[in-house]
Every structure is written in structure tokens, then in C-alpha cells.
Amino acid sequence: MAKGYYAPSVIKAFEILKLIASIKEGIGISEIARELGIAKSTVHGMTSALEEVGAVGRDPLTKRYTLGFTLFELGKTAYSQIELKDLARPFMEELMERTQTSVFLGLLNSDHVTILEIVEPRTELKITSPIGTTIPLFAGAAGKVFLAMMDENQALRVIGSKGLTRYTENSITDVDRYIEEIGSVKAKGFATDDEEYILGVRAVAAPILGVGHAMSAIWAVGFKTSLDEDKMKALAAFTKETAEAIRRKVERQPPILA
């Protein structure tokens, strides 16, 4: 069995952060070194780096370290993702029951889409993927939705920097046609994928949260053999309705306070 990558400096940095977090009044370099059995010079270098990125802060008078606002912001983001999963799950289950498709929840993550949650139909043959998996931004309906959340210039920059990949013979690789497709997604409030990413698979995606949030969307995926044109129209309506219901639920939640 292959061993995982071992990064001692990263592990030490997290040990320092956990120790700082455990002491409300803050802690100095000498105490950190003594508690963790790490050389003072190493502690000084690591705390300086952590301070530079805002992970810790140092009181100029006492020279004691406390957790910084960067970790607070990261914590809020992580919490909001967990909260989104919890809030979205019942709506996703209802959509799955109505359509017998696999329903995904995902976030825009740089130039990829990260799967945050999935609800699968109770059938032997279904489309699935592990939570945490990333898929290319231009892979089908979900990517179209995320690009439609951007302004046109930003979307053009992303397309220009990455290019359009041909996954199947149905993939849209012409930039002008793809931009036209994005415009249609903005107008309709949902995107479709007709065997553009995987042959024999159709999908519908709809946006949940856009500007001012971690961009999120849901998409429902099924086999073309069970999704004719009429069922795709119904799936589009149900998926858009579900995304809007999740968004309203999220927006009714009280803000996360410090």
C-alpha cells in the first residue's frame, strides 16, 4: 500500500494553530516551543508566515498570538457549505423522487465544479459520483449555469483561457455558439446537456446562489433512454423550481455572527 505524502511543516503549522486556538488569552513563541517540543526558531518562522496570511494575529504589547480573521472567514465558508448541504438535501430528495434522476449539488471551485452532495434513485442502473469529486467547468449543464452567473466579459476570459473541450460529438466547441448558449441559459434560468459530456446521458442544471456567495447549483442527470423531450421539459421545470426553493430557504437563514 502506497504511503501518503508527508509534509512535516504543514503538520507542525496545524499543531501550532490548534494550540493557539486552545488558549483564549493568547500564547507566546517560547510557550509554543515548550508545549510542542519545537525549536523556537522554527516556531518563529511558522508564526511569522501564519501572521502574514492572516491565520494568526500578534498583540504588539504582549507578543502573544491568537487566531486571525482569515481562519474565521474560512470557517464561515466551510460552515456555509455544510449548511447548504443540509438545507438542500430535502429538496434534492423530492426532485429525485419526482424525476427518478440522480440529483447533484455543486460549487464553483476555481476552474472546476466540486460535487457537494448527491441524491441517487433507488435503481440498479444510475449515474453517480463520489462527494468531493471535481468535474471540468465545461462539462455539460452545470458549467453552463456557472458561466451564466458571470458577466459576459468574465465568461469570455474563462473560455478563452481554458478552451472548449470536445468530450463527445455533441459537445459545443465553437466559442460563438457556446456564448449564445450561455445567453440562453441566463434568459431561461436553467441549462441542458444533451449527451455533450457523456454519450447516452442527459442533464438539466439550475443556479442556486451567485454573486456575493460561493456560486452553487443543482443538476439532475439521467439516461437518454428514459428522458425523452417531454420528460426533459418537465425535468427542466422541476429542477429550476427546486433550485429556487433552495435559494429561498438559504436566504431566510439568519446570518452567521462572529
C-alpha atoms as a PDB file:
ATOM      1  CA  MET A   1       0.000   0.000   0.000  1.00  0.00           C
ATOM      2  CA  ALA A   2       1.473   3.358  -1.039  1.00  0.00           C
ATOM      3  CA  LYS A   3       2.180   5.886   1.673  1.00  0.00           C
ATOM      4  CA  GLY A   4       0.556   9.331   1.536  1.00  0.00           C
ATOM      5  CA  TYR A   5       2.556  12.469   1.003  1.00  0.00           C
ATOM      6  CA  TYR A   6       4.074  13.627   4.290  1.00  0.00           C
ATOM      7  CA  ALA A   7       4.642  17.348   4.862  1.00  0.00           C
ATOM      8  CA  PRO A   8       6.120  17.918   8.356  1.00  0.00           C
ATOM      9  CA  SER A   9       5.937  21.713   8.122  1.00  0.00           C
ATOM     10  CA  VAL A  10       2.200  21.616   7.357  1.00  0.00           C
ATOM     11  CA  ILE A  11       1.562  19.271  10.277  1.00  0.00           C
ATOM     12  CA  LYS A  12       3.588  21.488  12.627  1.00  0.00           C
ATOM     13  CA  ALA A  13       1.719  24.568  11.428  1.00  0.00           C
ATOM     14  CA  PHE A  14      -1.608  22.920  12.267  1.00  0.00           C
ATOM     15  CA  GLU A  15      -0.282  21.835  15.669  1.00  0.00           C
ATOM     16  CA  ILE A  16       0.621  25.462  16.348  1.00  0.00           C
ATOM     17  CA  LEU A  17      -2.818  26.662  15.210  1.00  0.00           C
ATOM     18  CA  LYS A  18      -4.603  24.110  17.402  1.00  0.00           C
ATOM     19  CA  LEU A  19      -2.520  25.142  20.422  1.00  0.00           C
ATOM     20  CA  ILE A  20      -3.174  28.842  19.810  1.00  0.00           C
ATOM     21  CA  ALA A  21      -6.899  28.119  19.441  1.00  0.00           C
ATOM     22  CA  SER A  22      -6.963  26.328  22.816  1.00  0.00           C
ATOM     23  CA  ILE A  23      -5.657  29.323  24.782  1.00  0.00           C
ATOM     24  CA  LYS A  24      -8.100  32.215  24.819  1.00  0.00           C
ATOM     25  CA  GLU A  25      -5.678  34.834  26.158  1.00  0.00           C
ATOM     26  CA  GLY A  26      -3.074  34.026  23.515  1.00  0.00           C
ATOM     27  CA  ILE A  27       0.341  32.365  23.721  1.00  0.00           C
ATOM     28  CA  GLY A  28       3.935  33.408  23.085  1.00  0.00           C
ATOM     29  CA  ILE A  29       6.641  31.794  20.979  1.00  0.00           C
ATOM     30  CA  SER A  30       8.550  30.359  23.955  1.00  0.00           C
ATOM     31  CA  GLU A  31       5.420  28.704  25.324  1.00  0.00           C
ATOM     32  CA  ILE A  32       4.511  27.266  21.930  1.00  0.00           C
ATOM     33  CA  ALA A  33       8.022  25.858  21.536  1.00  0.00           C
ATOM     34  CA  ARG A  34       7.926  24.321  25.000  1.00  0.00           C
ATOM     35  CA  GLU A  35       4.418  22.847  24.687  1.00  0.00           C
ATOM     36  CA  LEU A  36       5.039  21.282  21.272  1.00  0.00           C
ATOM     37  CA  GLY A  37       8.707  20.451  21.602  1.00  0.00           C
ATOM     38  CA  ILE A  38       9.597  22.531  18.550  1.00  0.00           C
ATOM     39  CA  ALA A  39      12.639  24.783  18.257  1.00  0.00           C
ATOM     40  CA  LYS A  40      11.916  28.459  18.929  1.00  0.00           C
ATOM     41  CA  SER A  41      13.433  29.432  15.588  1.00  0.00           C
ATOM     42  CA  THR A  42      11.028  27.067  13.806  1.00  0.00           C
ATOM     43  CA  VAL A  43       8.053  28.406  15.762  1.00  0.00           C
ATOM     44  CA  HIS A  44       9.101  31.973  14.971  1.00  0.00           C
ATOM     45  CA  GLY A  45       9.313  31.240  11.253  1.00  0.00           C
ATOM     46  CA  MET A  46       5.976  29.465  11.145  1.00  0.00           C
ATOM     47  CA  THR A  47       4.075  32.020  13.215  1.00  0.00           C
ATOM     48  CA  SER A  48       5.509  34.805  11.050  1.00  0.00           C
ATOM     49  CA  ALA A  49       4.254  33.050   7.916  1.00  0.00           C
ATOM     50  CA  LEU A  50       0.860  32.373   9.513  1.00  0.00           C
ATOM     51  CA  GLU A  51       0.624  36.008  10.590  1.00  0.00           C
ATOM     52  CA  GLU A  52       1.432  37.170   7.061  1.00  0.00           C
ATOM     53  CA  VAL A  53      -1.566  35.311   5.631  1.00  0.00           C
ATOM     54  CA  GLY A  54      -3.843  36.373   8.487  1.00  0.00           C
ATOM     55  CA  ALA A  55      -4.167  32.932  10.077  1.00  0.00           C
ATOM     56  CA  VAL A  56      -2.878  34.294  13.397  1.00  0.00           C
ATOM     57  CA  GLY A  57      -2.517  37.723  14.930  1.00  0.00           C
ATOM     58  CA  ARG A  58       0.044  39.001  17.433  1.00  0.00           C
ATOM     59  CA  ASP A  59      -0.597  41.538  20.176  1.00  0.00           C
ATOM     60  CA  PRO A  60       2.128  44.200  19.765  1.00  0.00           C
ATOM     61  CA  LEU A  61       2.379  44.712  23.543  1.00  0.00           C
ATOM     62  CA  THR A  62       2.210  41.182  24.959  1.00  0.00           C
ATOM     63  CA  LYS A  63       3.709  39.469  21.850  1.00  0.00           C
ATOM     64  CA  ARG A  64       1.134  36.732  22.310  1.00  0.00           C
ATOM     65  CA  TYR A  65      -0.574  35.036  19.361  1.00  0.00           C
ATOM     66  CA  THR A  66      -4.295  34.478  18.833  1.00  0.00           C
ATOM     67  CA  LEU A  67      -6.230  33.127  15.830  1.00  0.00           C
ATOM     68  CA  GLY A  68      -6.600  35.545  12.925  1.00  0.00           C
ATOM     69  CA  PHE A  69      -9.549  36.636  10.826  1.00  0.00           C
ATOM     70  CA  THR A  70      -8.518  34.548   7.805  1.00  0.00           C
ATOM     71  CA  LEU A  71      -9.375  31.381   9.732  1.00  0.00           C
ATOM     72  CA  PHE A  72     -12.652  32.943  10.825  1.00  0.00           C
ATOM     73  CA  GLU A  73     -13.573  33.657   7.196  1.00  0.00           C
ATOM     74  CA  LEU A  74     -12.535  30.161   6.111  1.00  0.00           C
ATOM     75  CA  GLY A  75     -14.580  28.714   8.945  1.00  0.00           C
ATOM     76  CA  LYS A  76     -17.631  30.698   7.889  1.00  0.00           C
ATOM     77  CA  THR A  77     -17.221  29.468   4.321  1.00  0.00           C
ATOM     78  CA  ALA A  78     -16.854  25.848   5.424  1.00  0.00           C
ATOM     79  CA  TYR A  79     -19.876  26.184   7.718  1.00  0.00           C
ATOM     80  CA  SER A  80     -21.979  27.742   4.952  1.00  0.00           C
ATOM     81  CA  GLN A  81     -21.179  24.789   2.672  1.00  0.00           C
ATOM     82  CA  ILE A  82     -22.256  22.309   5.342  1.00  0.00           C
ATOM     83  CA  GLU A  83     -25.386  24.385   5.949  1.00  0.00           C
ATOM     84  CA  LEU A  84     -26.159  24.487   2.215  1.00  0.00           C
ATOM     85  CA  LYS A  85     -25.926  20.683   2.030  1.00  0.00           C
ATOM     86  CA  ASP A  86     -28.280  20.283   4.973  1.00  0.00           C
ATOM     87  CA  LEU A  87     -30.779  22.813   3.644  1.00  0.00           C
ATOM     88  CA  ALA A  88     -30.699  21.488   0.090  1.00  0.00           C
ATOM     89  CA  ARG A  89     -30.948  17.766   0.849  1.00  0.00           C
ATOM     90  CA  PRO A  90     -34.760  17.523   1.387  1.00  0.00           C
ATOM     91  CA  PHE A  91     -35.440  19.457  -1.823  1.00  0.00           C
ATOM     92  CA  MET A  92     -32.965  17.282  -3.733  1.00  0.00           C
ATOM     93  CA  GLU A  93     -34.679  14.139  -2.414  1.00  0.00           C
ATOM     94  CA  GLU A  94     -38.047  15.448  -3.578  1.00  0.00           C
ATOM     95  CA  LEU A  95     -36.637  16.221  -7.040  1.00  0.00           C
ATOM     96  CA  MET A  96     -35.154  12.731  -7.264  1.00  0.00           C
ATOM     97  CA  GLU A  97     -38.490  11.150  -6.328  1.00  0.00           C
ATOM     98  CA  ARG A  98     -40.372  13.226  -8.906  1.00  0.00           C
ATOM     99  CA  THR A  99     -37.931  12.538 -11.735  1.00  0.00           C
ATOM    100  CA  GLN A 100     -36.045   9.341 -10.816  1.00  0.00           C
ATOM    101  CA  THR A 101     -32.780  11.041 -11.789  1.00  0.00           C
ATOM    102  CA  SER A 102     -29.531  11.478  -9.874  1.00  0.00           C
ATOM    103  CA  VAL A 103     -29.528  14.954  -8.319  1.00  0.00           C
ATOM    104  CA  PHE A 104     -26.250  16.740  -7.646  1.00  0.00           C
ATOM    105  CA  LEU A 105     -25.381  19.847  -5.637  1.00  0.00           C
ATOM    106  CA  GLY A 106     -22.133  21.584  -6.526  1.00  0.00           C
ATOM    107  CA  LEU A 107     -19.988  24.666  -6.095  1.00  0.00           C
ATOM    108  CA  LEU A 108     -17.809  26.602  -8.499  1.00  0.00           C
ATOM    109  CA  ASN A 109     -14.233  25.900  -7.411  1.00  0.00           C
ATOM    110  CA  SER A 110     -11.772  27.938  -9.483  1.00  0.00           C
ATOM    111  CA  ASP A 111     -11.977  26.393 -12.964  1.00  0.00           C
ATOM    112  CA  HIS A 112     -13.754  23.227 -11.806  1.00  0.00           C
ATOM    113  CA  VAL A 113     -17.071  22.248 -10.277  1.00  0.00           C
ATOM    114  CA  THR A 114     -16.935  20.413  -6.935  1.00  0.00           C
ATOM    115  CA  ILE A 115     -19.734  17.990  -6.041  1.00  0.00           C
ATOM    116  CA  LEU A 116     -21.002  18.829  -2.563  1.00  0.00           C
ATOM    117  CA  GLU A 117     -23.923  16.400  -2.283  1.00  0.00           C
ATOM    118  CA  ILE A 118     -25.759  13.771  -4.338  1.00  0.00           C
ATOM    119  CA  VAL A 119     -29.135  12.045  -4.056  1.00  0.00           C
ATOM    120  CA  GLU A 120     -29.438   8.876  -6.126  1.00  0.00           C
ATOM    121  CA  PRO A 121     -32.537   6.999  -7.270  1.00  0.00           C
ATOM    122  CA  ARG A 122     -33.085   3.539  -5.828  1.00  0.00           C
ATOM    123  CA  THR A 123     -32.380   1.727  -9.083  1.00  0.00           C
ATOM    124  CA  GLU A 124     -29.578  -0.614 -10.064  1.00  0.00           C
ATOM    125  CA  LEU A 125     -28.586   1.448 -13.100  1.00  0.00           C
ATOM    126  CA  LYS A 126     -27.914   5.080 -12.208  1.00  0.00           C
ATOM    127  CA  ILE A 127     -25.407   7.867 -12.663  1.00  0.00           C
ATOM    128  CA  THR A 128     -23.274   8.590  -9.626  1.00  0.00           C
ATOM    129  CA  SER A 129     -20.059  10.207  -8.462  1.00  0.00           C
ATOM    130  CA  PRO A 130     -18.380  10.485  -5.028  1.00  0.00           C
ATOM    131  CA  ILE A 131     -18.940  13.632  -2.975  1.00  0.00           C
ATOM    132  CA  GLY A 132     -15.899  15.870  -3.314  1.00  0.00           C
ATOM    133  CA  THR A 133     -15.263  14.878  -6.924  1.00  0.00           C
ATOM    134  CA  THR A 134     -14.418  17.736  -9.278  1.00  0.00           C
ATOM    135  CA  ILE A 135     -15.612  17.890 -12.860  1.00  0.00           C
ATOM    136  CA  PRO A 136     -14.416  20.240 -15.612  1.00  0.00           C
ATOM    137  CA  LEU A 137     -16.192  23.592 -15.812  1.00  0.00           C
ATOM    138  CA  PHE A 138     -17.173  22.985 -19.436  1.00  0.00           C
ATOM    139  CA  ALA A 139     -18.555  19.516 -18.752  1.00  0.00           C
ATOM    140  CA  GLY A 140     -22.247  19.766 -19.557  1.00  0.00           C
ATOM    141  CA  ALA A 141     -25.122  21.629 -17.934  1.00  0.00           C
ATOM    142  CA  ALA A 142     -23.589  22.611 -14.582  1.00  0.00           C
ATOM    143  CA  GLY A 143     -20.726  24.526 -16.164  1.00  0.00           C
ATOM    144  CA  LYS A 144     -23.107  26.458 -18.407  1.00  0.00           C
ATOM    145  CA  VAL A 145     -25.024  27.610 -15.340  1.00  0.00           C
ATOM    146  CA  PHE A 146     -21.889  28.797 -13.549  1.00  0.00           C
ATOM    147  CA  LEU A 147     -20.674  30.663 -16.632  1.00  0.00           C
ATOM    148  CA  ALA A 148     -24.138  32.224 -16.994  1.00  0.00           C
ATOM    149  CA  MET A 149     -23.759  33.648 -13.460  1.00  0.00           C
ATOM    150  CA  MET A 150     -20.710  35.617 -14.634  1.00  0.00           C
ATOM    151  CA  ASP A 151     -20.818  38.764 -16.722  1.00  0.00           C
ATOM    152  CA  GLU A 152     -20.111  38.175 -20.402  1.00  0.00           C
ATOM    153  CA  ASN A 153     -16.558  39.563 -20.328  1.00  0.00           C
ATOM    154  CA  GLN A 154     -15.599  37.326 -17.422  1.00  0.00           C
ATOM    155  CA  ALA A 155     -17.134  34.297 -19.112  1.00  0.00           C
ATOM    156  CA  LEU A 156     -15.238  35.095 -22.310  1.00  0.00           C
ATOM    157  CA  ARG A 157     -11.966  35.329 -20.377  1.00  0.00           C
ATOM    158  CA  VAL A 158     -12.577  31.942 -18.769  1.00  0.00           C
ATOM    159  CA  ILE A 159     -13.484  30.336 -22.075  1.00  0.00           C
ATOM    160  CA  GLY A 160     -10.506  31.940 -23.785  1.00  0.00           C
ATOM    161  CA  SER A 161      -8.061  30.771 -21.108  1.00  0.00           C
ATOM    162  CA  LYS A 162      -9.304  27.183 -20.947  1.00  0.00           C
ATOM    163  CA  GLY A 163     -10.743  26.488 -24.379  1.00  0.00           C
ATOM    164  CA  LEU A 164     -13.734  24.274 -25.129  1.00  0.00           C
ATOM    165  CA  THR A 165     -13.095  20.543 -24.924  1.00  0.00           C
ATOM    166  CA  ARG A 166     -14.789  18.028 -27.216  1.00  0.00           C
ATOM    167  CA  TYR A 167     -15.993  15.250 -24.888  1.00  0.00           C
ATOM    168  CA  THR A 168     -18.467  13.758 -27.371  1.00  0.00           C
ATOM    169  CA  GLU A 169     -19.650  14.500 -30.891  1.00  0.00           C
ATOM    170  CA  ASN A 170     -22.403  16.641 -29.307  1.00  0.00           C
ATOM    171  CA  SER A 171     -20.010  18.881 -27.339  1.00  0.00           C
ATOM    172  CA  ILE A 172     -20.208  22.575 -28.234  1.00  0.00           C
ATOM    173  CA  THR A 173     -16.698  23.641 -29.234  1.00  0.00           C
ATOM    174  CA  ASP A 174     -17.480  26.793 -31.219  1.00  0.00           C
ATOM    175  CA  VAL A 175     -16.993  29.819 -28.926  1.00  0.00           C
ATOM    176  CA  ASP A 176     -19.687  31.986 -30.550  1.00  0.00           C
ATOM    177  CA  ARG A 177     -22.232  29.181 -30.319  1.00  0.00           C
ATOM    178  CA  TYR A 178     -21.247  28.481 -26.700  1.00  0.00           C
ATOM    179  CA  ILE A 179     -21.650  32.154 -25.750  1.00  0.00           C
ATOM    180  CA  GLU A 180     -25.054  32.124 -27.431  1.00  0.00           C
ATOM    181  CA  GLU A 181     -25.921  29.064 -25.348  1.00  0.00           C
ATOM    182  CA  ILE A 182     -24.849  30.876 -22.154  1.00  0.00           C
ATOM    183  CA  GLY A 183     -27.084  33.799 -23.082  1.00  0.00           C
ATOM    184  CA  SER A 184     -29.998  31.393 -23.469  1.00  0.00           C
ATOM    185  CA  VAL A 185     -29.244  29.915 -20.038  1.00  0.00           C
ATOM    186  CA  LYS A 186     -29.372  33.396 -18.486  1.00  0.00           C
ATOM    187  CA  ALA A 187     -32.736  34.039 -20.125  1.00  0.00           C
ATOM    188  CA  LYS A 188     -34.322  30.684 -19.224  1.00  0.00           C
ATOM    189  CA  GLY A 189     -32.797  30.194 -15.768  1.00  0.00           C
ATOM    190  CA  PHE A 190     -31.589  26.665 -16.493  1.00  0.00           C
ATOM    191  CA  ALA A 191     -29.156  24.779 -18.724  1.00  0.00           C
ATOM    192  CA  THR A 192     -29.408  21.454 -20.508  1.00  0.00           C
ATOM    193  CA  ASP A 193     -26.881  18.842 -21.599  1.00  0.00           C
ATOM    194  CA  ASP A 194     -27.857  16.518 -24.441  1.00  0.00           C
ATOM    195  CA  GLU A 195     -25.044  13.949 -24.500  1.00  0.00           C
ATOM    196  CA  GLU A 196     -22.472  16.775 -24.539  1.00  0.00           C
ATOM    197  CA  TYR A 197     -20.328  15.360 -21.725  1.00  0.00           C
ATOM    198  CA  ILE A 198     -21.181  11.641 -21.735  1.00  0.00           C
ATOM    199  CA  LEU A 199     -22.874   9.754 -24.561  1.00  0.00           C
ATOM    200  CA  GLY A 200     -26.289   8.432 -23.592  1.00  0.00           C
ATOM    201  CA  VAL A 201     -26.663  10.915 -20.710  1.00  0.00           C
ATOM    202  CA  ARG A 202     -28.867  13.987 -20.456  1.00  0.00           C
ATOM    203  CA  ALA A 203     -28.960  16.601 -17.701  1.00  0.00           C
ATOM    204  CA  VAL A 204     -30.573  19.831 -16.538  1.00  0.00           C
ATOM    205  CA  ALA A 205     -28.900  22.354 -14.199  1.00  0.00           C
ATOM    206  CA  ALA A 206     -30.185  25.458 -12.425  1.00  0.00           C
ATOM    207  CA  PRO A 207     -28.412  28.112 -10.309  1.00  0.00           C
ATOM    208  CA  ILE A 208     -28.931  28.470  -6.567  1.00  0.00           C
ATOM    209  CA  LEU A 209     -26.592  31.209  -5.321  1.00  0.00           C
ATOM    210  CA  GLY A 210     -24.469  33.541  -7.419  1.00  0.00           C
ATOM    211  CA  VAL A 211     -22.684  36.851  -6.874  1.00  0.00           C
ATOM    212  CA  GLY A 212     -21.865  37.528  -3.214  1.00  0.00           C
ATOM    213  CA  HIS A 213     -21.879  33.834  -2.311  1.00  0.00           C
ATOM    214  CA  ALA A 214     -19.938  30.717  -3.174  1.00  0.00           C
ATOM    215  CA  MET A 215     -21.580  30.055  -6.560  1.00  0.00           C
ATOM    216  CA  SER A 216     -23.757  26.947  -6.286  1.00  0.00           C
ATOM    217  CA  ALA A 217     -26.127  24.982  -8.485  1.00  0.00           C
ATOM    218  CA  ILE A 218     -28.042  21.731  -8.696  1.00  0.00           C
ATOM    219  CA  TRP A 219     -28.267  19.428 -11.675  1.00  0.00           C
ATOM    220  CA  ALA A 220     -30.362  16.358 -12.397  1.00  0.00           C
ATOM    221  CA  VAL A 221     -28.852  13.619 -14.564  1.00  0.00           C
ATOM    222  CA  GLY A 222     -30.377  10.612 -16.259  1.00  0.00           C
ATOM    223  CA  PHE A 223     -30.069   8.285 -19.223  1.00  0.00           C
ATOM    224  CA  LYS A 224     -31.355   9.477 -22.589  1.00  0.00           C
ATOM    225  CA  THR A 225     -33.391   6.286 -22.942  1.00  0.00           C
ATOM    226  CA  SER A 226     -35.563   7.417 -20.006  1.00  0.00           C
ATOM    227  CA  LEU A 227     -35.521  11.163 -20.741  1.00  0.00           C
ATOM    228  CA  ASP A 228     -37.401  11.939 -23.954  1.00  0.00           C
ATOM    229  CA  GLU A 229     -38.202  15.520 -24.992  1.00  0.00           C
ATOM    230  CA  ASP A 230     -41.356  15.787 -22.877  1.00  0.00           C
ATOM    231  CA  LYS A 231     -39.571  14.426 -19.793  1.00  0.00           C
ATOM    232  CA  MET A 232     -36.670  16.835 -20.360  1.00  0.00           C
ATOM    233  CA  LYS A 233     -39.126  19.755 -20.384  1.00  0.00           C
ATOM    234  CA  ALA A 234     -40.632  18.548 -17.131  1.00  0.00           C
ATOM    235  CA  LEU A 235     -37.181  17.942 -15.653  1.00  0.00           C
ATOM    236  CA  ALA A 236     -36.126  21.495 -16.556  1.00  0.00           C
ATOM    237  CA  ALA A 237     -39.193  22.957 -14.843  1.00  0.00           C
ATOM    238  CA  PHE A 238     -38.773  20.801 -11.717  1.00  0.00           C
ATOM    239  CA  THR A 239     -35.023  21.482 -11.458  1.00  0.00           C
ATOM    240  CA  LYS A 240     -35.454  25.248 -11.781  1.00  0.00           C
ATOM    241  CA  GLU A 241     -38.277  25.172  -9.231  1.00  0.00           C
ATOM    242  CA  THR A 242     -36.136  23.147  -6.816  1.00  0.00           C
ATOM    243  CA  ALA A 243     -33.141  25.478  -7.150  1.00  0.00           C
ATOM    244  CA  GLU A 244     -35.351  28.485  -6.436  1.00  0.00           C
ATOM    245  CA  ALA A 245     -36.837  26.756  -3.374  1.00  0.00           C
ATOM    246  CA  ILE A 246     -33.341  26.038  -2.017  1.00  0.00           C
ATOM    247  CA  ARG A 247     -32.270  29.640  -2.645  1.00  0.00           C
ATOM    248  CA  ARG A 248     -35.303  30.988  -0.770  1.00  0.00           C
ATOM    249  CA  LYS A 249     -34.594  28.608   2.125  1.00  0.00           C
ATOM    250  CA  VAL A 250     -30.945  29.725   2.297  1.00  0.00           C
ATOM    251  CA  GLU A 251     -31.817  33.417   2.149  1.00  0.00           C
ATOM    252  CA  ARG A 252     -34.260  33.034   5.054  1.00  0.00           C
ATOM    253  CA  GLN A 253     -31.493  31.722   7.312  1.00  0.00           C
ATOM    254  CA  PRO A 254     -30.122  34.146   9.935  1.00  0.00           C
ATOM    255  CA  PRO A 255     -26.632  35.496   9.201  1.00  0.00           C
ATOM    256  CA  ILE A 256     -23.603  33.831  10.798  1.00  0.00           C
ATOM    257  CA  LEU A 257     -22.379  36.123  13.551  1.00  0.00           C
ATOM    258  CA  ALA A 258     -18.893  36.437  14.988  1.00  0.00           C
END
